[in-house]
């Protein structure tokens, strides 16, 4: 399956939010928290706002590291979401929507005052 993005560099804001989530949940890997955030955003019915997101942190993930064993499933979920939102499924649209969903979802998780430990993160589902 063709990947929409080979590598993603997170914004400094997202890195700071992930650091906070790592402290609360004790989940040490960026990619696991990023998956949670991405899925959290996909579950939101609204389309993410098309805001510019700087790639200004030193946290960079490949798609395969981000997705792990679920990378194909996450790509299918992204394509389906783009289709449902009336957007294209070309590589550029998928890459843009991935960045928007990832950053929005990380923000949602970090901004949730109820997530103070891993059990709270699991309860979000």
N, C-alpha and C. Protein backbone atom coordinates (compact mmCIF):
# COMPACT_ATOMS: atom_id res chain seq x y z
N UNK A 1 0.84 -1.16 0.00
CA UNK A 1 0.00 0.00 0.00
C UNK A 1 0.90 1.24 0.00
N UNK A 2 0.59 2.19 -0.89
CA UNK A 2 1.40 3.41 -0.96
C UNK A 2 1.13 4.29 0.25
N UNK A 3 2.21 4.75 0.85
CA UNK A 3 2.09 5.56 2.05
C UNK A 3 1.89 7.03 1.70
N UNK A 4 1.04 7.73 2.45
CA UNK A 4 0.80 9.14 2.17
C UNK A 4 1.96 10.02 2.61
N UNK A 5 2.72 9.52 3.53
CA UNK A 5 3.81 10.31 4.09
C UNK A 5 4.88 9.34 4.58
N UNK A 6 6.12 9.65 4.27
CA UNK A 6 7.20 8.78 4.70
C UNK A 6 7.64 9.11 6.12
N UNK A 7 7.81 10.41 6.38
CA UNK A 7 8.24 10.87 7.69
C UNK A 7 7.40 12.07 8.12
N UNK A 8 7.20 12.17 9.40
CA UNK A 8 6.51 13.35 9.94
C UNK A 8 7.33 13.90 11.09
N UNK A 9 7.53 15.20 11.05
CA UNK A 9 8.18 15.90 12.16
C UNK A 9 7.08 16.66 12.88
N UNK A 10 7.01 16.47 14.18
CA UNK A 10 5.98 17.10 14.98
C UNK A 10 6.32 18.56 15.28
N UNK A 11 5.29 19.30 15.61
CA UNK A 11 5.50 20.68 16.05
C UNK A 11 6.05 20.66 17.47
N UNK A 12 6.67 21.75 17.88
CA UNK A 12 7.18 21.85 19.24
C UNK A 12 6.02 21.79 20.25
N UNK A 13 4.90 22.36 19.88
CA UNK A 13 3.72 22.30 20.75
C UNK A 13 3.29 20.86 20.97
N UNK A 14 3.23 20.07 19.89
CA UNK A 14 2.84 18.66 20.01
C UNK A 14 3.86 17.89 20.84
N UNK A 15 5.14 18.19 20.66
CA UNK A 15 6.17 17.53 21.46
C UNK A 15 5.96 17.83 22.94
N UNK A 16 5.69 19.08 23.27
CA UNK A 16 5.45 19.45 24.66
C UNK A 16 4.21 18.74 25.22
N UNK A 17 3.18 18.65 24.39
CA UNK A 17 1.96 17.97 24.82
C UNK A 17 2.21 16.48 25.04
N UNK A 18 2.99 15.87 24.14
CA UNK A 18 3.32 14.45 24.28
C UNK A 18 4.17 14.21 25.53
N UNK A 19 5.06 15.13 25.82
CA UNK A 19 5.89 15.01 27.02
C UNK A 19 5.00 15.01 28.26
N UNK A 20 4.02 15.87 28.27
CA UNK A 20 3.05 15.92 29.37
C UNK A 20 2.29 14.59 29.46
N UNK A 21 1.83 14.08 28.32
CA UNK A 21 1.11 12.81 28.32
C UNK A 21 2.00 11.65 28.77
N UNK A 22 3.25 11.68 28.39
CA UNK A 22 4.19 10.64 28.82
C UNK A 22 4.32 10.64 30.34
N UNK A 23 4.39 11.82 30.93
CA UNK A 23 4.48 11.93 32.39
C UNK A 23 3.24 11.36 33.07
N UNK A 24 2.08 11.70 32.54
CA UNK A 24 0.83 11.26 33.16
C UNK A 24 0.57 9.77 32.97
N UNK A 25 0.79 9.29 31.75
CA UNK A 25 0.40 7.91 31.43
C UNK A 25 1.51 6.89 31.65
N UNK A 26 2.73 7.36 31.73
CA UNK A 26 3.92 6.49 31.83
C UNK A 26 4.15 5.70 30.55
N UNK A 27 3.53 6.10 29.44
CA UNK A 27 3.79 5.50 28.13
C UNK A 27 5.00 6.23 27.56
N UNK A 28 6.10 5.51 27.36
CA UNK A 28 7.35 6.16 26.99
C UNK A 28 7.54 6.40 25.49
N UNK A 29 6.81 5.70 24.66
CA UNK A 29 7.05 5.82 23.22
C UNK A 29 6.13 6.86 22.59
N UNK A 30 6.77 7.78 21.83
CA UNK A 30 6.02 8.81 21.11
C UNK A 30 4.98 8.18 20.20
N UNK A 31 5.38 7.12 19.47
CA UNK A 31 4.50 6.56 18.44
C UNK A 31 3.19 6.02 19.02
N UNK A 32 3.24 5.45 20.20
CA UNK A 32 2.01 4.92 20.80
C UNK A 32 1.07 6.06 21.16
N UNK A 33 1.61 7.10 21.77
CA UNK A 33 0.78 8.25 22.11
C UNK A 33 0.26 8.95 20.85
N UNK A 34 1.08 8.98 19.81
CA UNK A 34 0.64 9.58 18.54
C UNK A 34 -0.52 8.79 17.94
N UNK A 35 -0.46 7.47 18.03
CA UNK A 35 -1.57 6.65 17.53
C UNK A 35 -2.85 6.95 18.29
N UNK A 36 -2.75 7.06 19.61
CA UNK A 36 -3.92 7.40 20.42
C UNK A 36 -4.49 8.74 19.98
N UNK A 37 -3.61 9.71 19.79
CA UNK A 37 -4.06 11.04 19.38
C UNK A 37 -4.72 11.02 18.01
N UNK A 38 -4.10 10.34 17.07
CA UNK A 38 -4.65 10.24 15.72
C UNK A 38 -6.04 9.63 15.75
N UNK A 39 -6.17 8.53 16.47
CA UNK A 39 -7.48 7.87 16.56
C UNK A 39 -8.50 8.73 17.29
N UNK A 40 -8.05 9.47 18.28
CA UNK A 40 -8.96 10.39 19.00
C UNK A 40 -9.52 11.44 18.05
N UNK A 41 -8.66 11.96 17.19
CA UNK A 41 -9.12 12.96 16.23
C UNK A 41 -10.05 12.35 15.19
N UNK A 42 -9.73 11.15 14.72
CA UNK A 42 -10.61 10.50 13.74
C UNK A 42 -12.01 10.27 14.30
N UNK A 43 -12.09 10.06 15.61
CA UNK A 43 -13.39 9.81 16.25
C UNK A 43 -14.24 11.07 16.35
N UNK A 44 -13.61 12.22 16.23
CA UNK A 44 -14.32 13.50 16.29
C UNK A 44 -15.04 13.72 14.96
N UNK A 45 -16.34 14.05 14.98
CA UNK A 45 -17.07 14.17 13.71
C UNK A 45 -16.67 15.36 12.84
N UNK A 46 -16.13 16.41 13.44
CA UNK A 46 -15.78 17.59 12.63
C UNK A 46 -14.47 17.40 11.89
N UNK A 47 -14.34 18.13 10.80
CA UNK A 47 -13.10 18.12 10.01
C UNK A 47 -12.10 19.03 10.72
N UNK A 48 -10.84 18.61 10.83
CA UNK A 48 -9.86 19.48 11.49
C UNK A 48 -9.68 20.80 10.72
N UNK A 49 -9.48 21.87 11.46
CA UNK A 49 -9.27 23.17 10.83
C UNK A 49 -7.96 23.14 10.04
N UNK A 50 -7.98 23.71 8.85
CA UNK A 50 -6.77 23.68 8.01
C UNK A 50 -5.77 24.76 8.43
N UNK A 51 -5.18 24.59 9.58
CA UNK A 51 -4.22 25.56 10.10
C UNK A 51 -2.80 25.11 9.77
N UNK A 52 -1.90 26.05 9.57
CA UNK A 52 -0.52 25.66 9.33
C UNK A 52 0.09 25.07 10.60
N UNK A 53 0.80 23.98 10.45
CA UNK A 53 1.44 23.31 11.58
C UNK A 53 2.94 23.29 11.32
N UNK A 54 3.71 23.99 12.14
CA UNK A 54 5.16 24.00 11.92
C UNK A 54 5.77 22.65 12.27
N UNK A 55 6.82 22.30 11.57
CA UNK A 55 7.57 21.07 11.86
C UNK A 55 8.85 21.51 12.58
N UNK A 56 8.67 22.06 13.79
CA UNK A 56 9.78 22.74 14.45
C UNK A 56 10.32 22.03 15.70
N UNK A 57 10.01 20.75 15.84
CA UNK A 57 10.58 20.01 16.98
C UNK A 57 11.64 19.04 16.46
N UNK A 58 12.25 18.34 17.38
CA UNK A 58 13.22 17.32 16.97
C UNK A 58 12.62 15.92 17.01
N UNK A 59 11.30 15.83 17.13
CA UNK A 59 10.63 14.53 17.13
C UNK A 59 10.15 14.22 15.72
N UNK A 60 10.69 13.15 15.17
CA UNK A 60 10.34 12.74 13.81
C UNK A 60 10.05 11.25 13.81
N UNK A 61 8.98 10.88 13.13
CA UNK A 61 8.58 9.47 13.04
C UNK A 61 8.37 9.10 11.58
N UNK A 62 8.71 7.88 11.24
CA UNK A 62 8.31 7.37 9.93
C UNK A 62 6.88 6.86 10.06
N UNK A 63 6.21 6.70 8.93
CA UNK A 63 4.85 6.17 8.97
C UNK A 63 4.85 4.78 9.61
N UNK A 64 5.82 3.96 9.26
CA UNK A 64 5.87 2.57 9.78
C UNK A 64 6.09 2.55 11.29
N UNK A 65 6.91 3.47 11.80
CA UNK A 65 7.10 3.55 13.25
C UNK A 65 5.82 4.08 13.90
N UNK A 66 5.24 5.11 13.31
CA UNK A 66 3.98 5.64 13.83
C UNK A 66 2.93 4.54 13.93
N UNK A 67 2.72 3.83 12.84
CA UNK A 67 1.63 2.86 12.77
C UNK A 67 1.93 1.50 13.35
N UNK A 68 3.20 1.12 13.36
CA UNK A 68 3.56 -0.21 13.84
C UNK A 68 2.82 -1.28 13.06
N UNK A 69 2.35 -2.27 13.76
CA UNK A 69 1.62 -3.37 13.13
C UNK A 69 0.28 -2.92 12.56
N UNK A 70 -0.19 -1.76 13.02
CA UNK A 70 -1.48 -1.25 12.58
C UNK A 70 -1.37 -0.23 11.44
N UNK A 71 -0.18 -0.07 10.85
CA UNK A 71 0.01 1.01 9.88
C UNK A 71 -0.94 0.91 8.69
N UNK A 72 -1.18 -0.28 8.18
CA UNK A 72 -2.10 -0.41 7.04
C UNK A 72 -3.54 -0.08 7.46
N UNK A 73 -3.92 -0.52 8.64
CA UNK A 73 -5.28 -0.24 9.14
C UNK A 73 -5.47 1.26 9.36
N UNK A 74 -4.45 1.91 9.92
CA UNK A 74 -4.53 3.36 10.15
C UNK A 74 -4.59 4.13 8.84
N UNK A 75 -3.88 3.64 7.83
CA UNK A 75 -3.93 4.28 6.51
C UNK A 75 -5.32 4.12 5.90
N UNK A 76 -5.90 2.96 6.02
CA UNK A 76 -7.27 2.74 5.51
C UNK A 76 -8.26 3.64 6.26
N UNK A 77 -8.09 3.77 7.57
CA UNK A 77 -8.97 4.65 8.36
C UNK A 77 -8.83 6.10 7.91
N UNK A 78 -7.61 6.52 7.62
CA UNK A 78 -7.38 7.89 7.14
C UNK A 78 -8.05 8.09 5.77
N UNK A 79 -7.88 7.14 4.88
CA UNK A 79 -8.50 7.24 3.55
C UNK A 79 -10.02 7.27 3.66
N UNK A 80 -10.57 6.43 4.51
CA UNK A 80 -12.03 6.40 4.69
C UNK A 80 -12.52 7.72 5.26
N UNK A 81 -11.80 8.26 6.22
CA UNK A 81 -12.19 9.53 6.82
C UNK A 81 -12.16 10.65 5.77
N UNK A 82 -11.11 10.69 4.95
CA UNK A 82 -11.03 11.70 3.90
C UNK A 82 -12.19 11.55 2.92
N UNK A 83 -12.51 10.33 2.57
CA UNK A 83 -13.64 10.05 1.68
C UNK A 83 -14.94 10.54 2.32
N UNK A 84 -15.15 10.18 3.58
CA UNK A 84 -16.37 10.58 4.29
C UNK A 84 -16.49 12.10 4.41
N UNK A 85 -15.36 12.78 4.52
CA UNK A 85 -15.36 14.24 4.65
C UNK A 85 -15.45 14.95 3.30
N UNK A 86 -15.55 14.18 2.21
CA UNK A 86 -15.66 14.77 0.88
C UNK A 86 -14.35 15.31 0.36
N UNK A 87 -13.25 14.83 0.90
CA UNK A 87 -11.93 15.25 0.46
C UNK A 87 -11.36 14.19 -0.49
N UNK A 88 -10.32 14.53 -1.16
CA UNK A 88 -9.67 13.56 -2.04
C UNK A 88 -8.88 12.54 -1.23
N UNK A 89 -8.44 11.52 -1.93
CA UNK A 89 -7.58 10.53 -1.28
C UNK A 89 -6.23 10.48 -1.98
N UNK A 90 -5.87 11.59 -2.64
CA UNK A 90 -4.55 11.67 -3.26
C UNK A 90 -3.51 11.81 -2.15
N UNK A 91 -2.26 11.58 -2.51
CA UNK A 91 -1.18 11.55 -1.53
C UNK A 91 -1.06 12.86 -0.75
N UNK A 92 -1.18 13.99 -1.43
CA UNK A 92 -1.03 15.29 -0.77
C UNK A 92 -2.16 15.54 0.24
N UNK A 93 -3.39 15.23 -0.15
CA UNK A 93 -4.53 15.40 0.76
C UNK A 93 -4.39 14.49 1.97
N UNK A 94 -4.00 13.25 1.73
CA UNK A 94 -3.84 12.31 2.84
C UNK A 94 -2.75 12.80 3.80
N UNK A 95 -1.65 13.28 3.27
CA UNK A 95 -0.55 13.76 4.11
C UNK A 95 -1.00 14.97 4.94
N UNK A 96 -1.71 15.89 4.31
CA UNK A 96 -2.20 17.07 5.02
C UNK A 96 -3.19 16.68 6.11
N UNK A 97 -4.15 15.84 5.77
CA UNK A 97 -5.15 15.43 6.76
C UNK A 97 -4.53 14.62 7.89
N UNK A 98 -3.53 13.82 7.57
CA UNK A 98 -2.84 13.07 8.62
C UNK A 98 -2.21 14.03 9.62
N UNK A 99 -1.48 15.03 9.13
CA UNK A 99 -0.85 16.01 10.03
C UNK A 99 -1.89 16.73 10.88
N UNK A 100 -2.98 17.13 10.24
CA UNK A 100 -4.03 17.85 10.97
C UNK A 100 -4.68 16.97 12.04
N UNK A 101 -5.01 15.75 11.67
CA UNK A 101 -5.64 14.83 12.64
C UNK A 101 -4.66 14.48 13.76
N UNK A 102 -3.43 14.23 13.42
CA UNK A 102 -2.45 13.86 14.44
C UNK A 102 -2.29 14.98 15.46
N UNK A 103 -2.06 16.18 14.98
CA UNK A 103 -1.84 17.29 15.90
C UNK A 103 -3.11 17.66 16.68
N UNK A 104 -4.26 17.60 16.02
CA UNK A 104 -5.50 17.89 16.74
C UNK A 104 -5.73 16.85 17.84
N UNK A 105 -5.51 15.59 17.52
CA UNK A 105 -5.73 14.53 18.50
C UNK A 105 -4.78 14.61 19.68
N UNK A 106 -3.53 14.93 19.42
CA UNK A 106 -2.57 15.09 20.52
C UNK A 106 -3.04 16.23 21.42
N UNK A 107 -3.49 17.31 20.80
CA UNK A 107 -4.00 18.45 21.57
C UNK A 107 -5.21 18.08 22.41
N UNK A 108 -6.11 17.29 21.83
CA UNK A 108 -7.29 16.86 22.59
C UNK A 108 -6.89 16.03 23.81
N UNK A 109 -5.97 15.08 23.61
CA UNK A 109 -5.55 14.24 24.73
C UNK A 109 -4.83 15.05 25.80
N UNK A 110 -3.92 15.93 25.37
CA UNK A 110 -3.17 16.72 26.33
C UNK A 110 -4.06 17.72 27.06
N UNK A 111 -5.10 18.17 26.39
CA UNK A 111 -6.00 19.15 27.00
C UNK A 111 -7.10 18.55 27.84
N UNK A 112 -7.19 17.24 27.87
CA UNK A 112 -8.23 16.57 28.66
C UNK A 112 -7.80 16.52 30.12
N UNK A 113 -8.46 17.27 30.99
CA UNK A 113 -8.05 17.30 32.39
C UNK A 113 -8.29 15.97 33.12
N UNK A 114 -9.04 15.08 32.51
CA UNK A 114 -9.32 13.79 33.15
C UNK A 114 -8.23 12.75 32.91
N UNK A 115 -7.29 13.02 31.99
CA UNK A 115 -6.23 12.04 31.71
C UNK A 115 -5.05 12.34 32.63
N UNK A 116 -4.99 11.59 33.71
CA UNK A 116 -3.92 11.75 34.69
C UNK A 116 -3.10 10.47 34.85
N UNK A 117 -3.58 9.37 34.26
CA UNK A 117 -2.82 8.12 34.26
C UNK A 117 -3.34 7.25 33.12
N UNK A 118 -2.65 6.15 32.87
CA UNK A 118 -2.96 5.33 31.70
C UNK A 118 -4.40 4.82 31.72
N UNK A 119 -4.93 4.53 32.88
CA UNK A 119 -6.31 4.06 32.96
C UNK A 119 -7.29 5.09 32.44
N UNK A 120 -6.99 6.36 32.66
CA UNK A 120 -7.85 7.43 32.15
C UNK A 120 -7.79 7.51 30.63
N UNK A 121 -6.60 7.27 30.07
CA UNK A 121 -6.45 7.27 28.62
C UNK A 121 -7.28 6.14 28.02
N UNK A 122 -7.22 4.99 28.63
CA UNK A 122 -7.99 3.83 28.14
C UNK A 122 -9.48 4.11 28.25
N UNK A 123 -9.90 4.81 29.29
CA UNK A 123 -11.32 5.12 29.49
C UNK A 123 -11.84 6.04 28.39
N UNK A 124 -10.98 6.80 27.73
CA UNK A 124 -11.40 7.69 26.65
C UNK A 124 -12.05 6.90 25.52
N UNK A 125 -11.60 5.66 25.32
CA UNK A 125 -12.15 4.85 24.24
C UNK A 125 -13.54 4.39 24.59
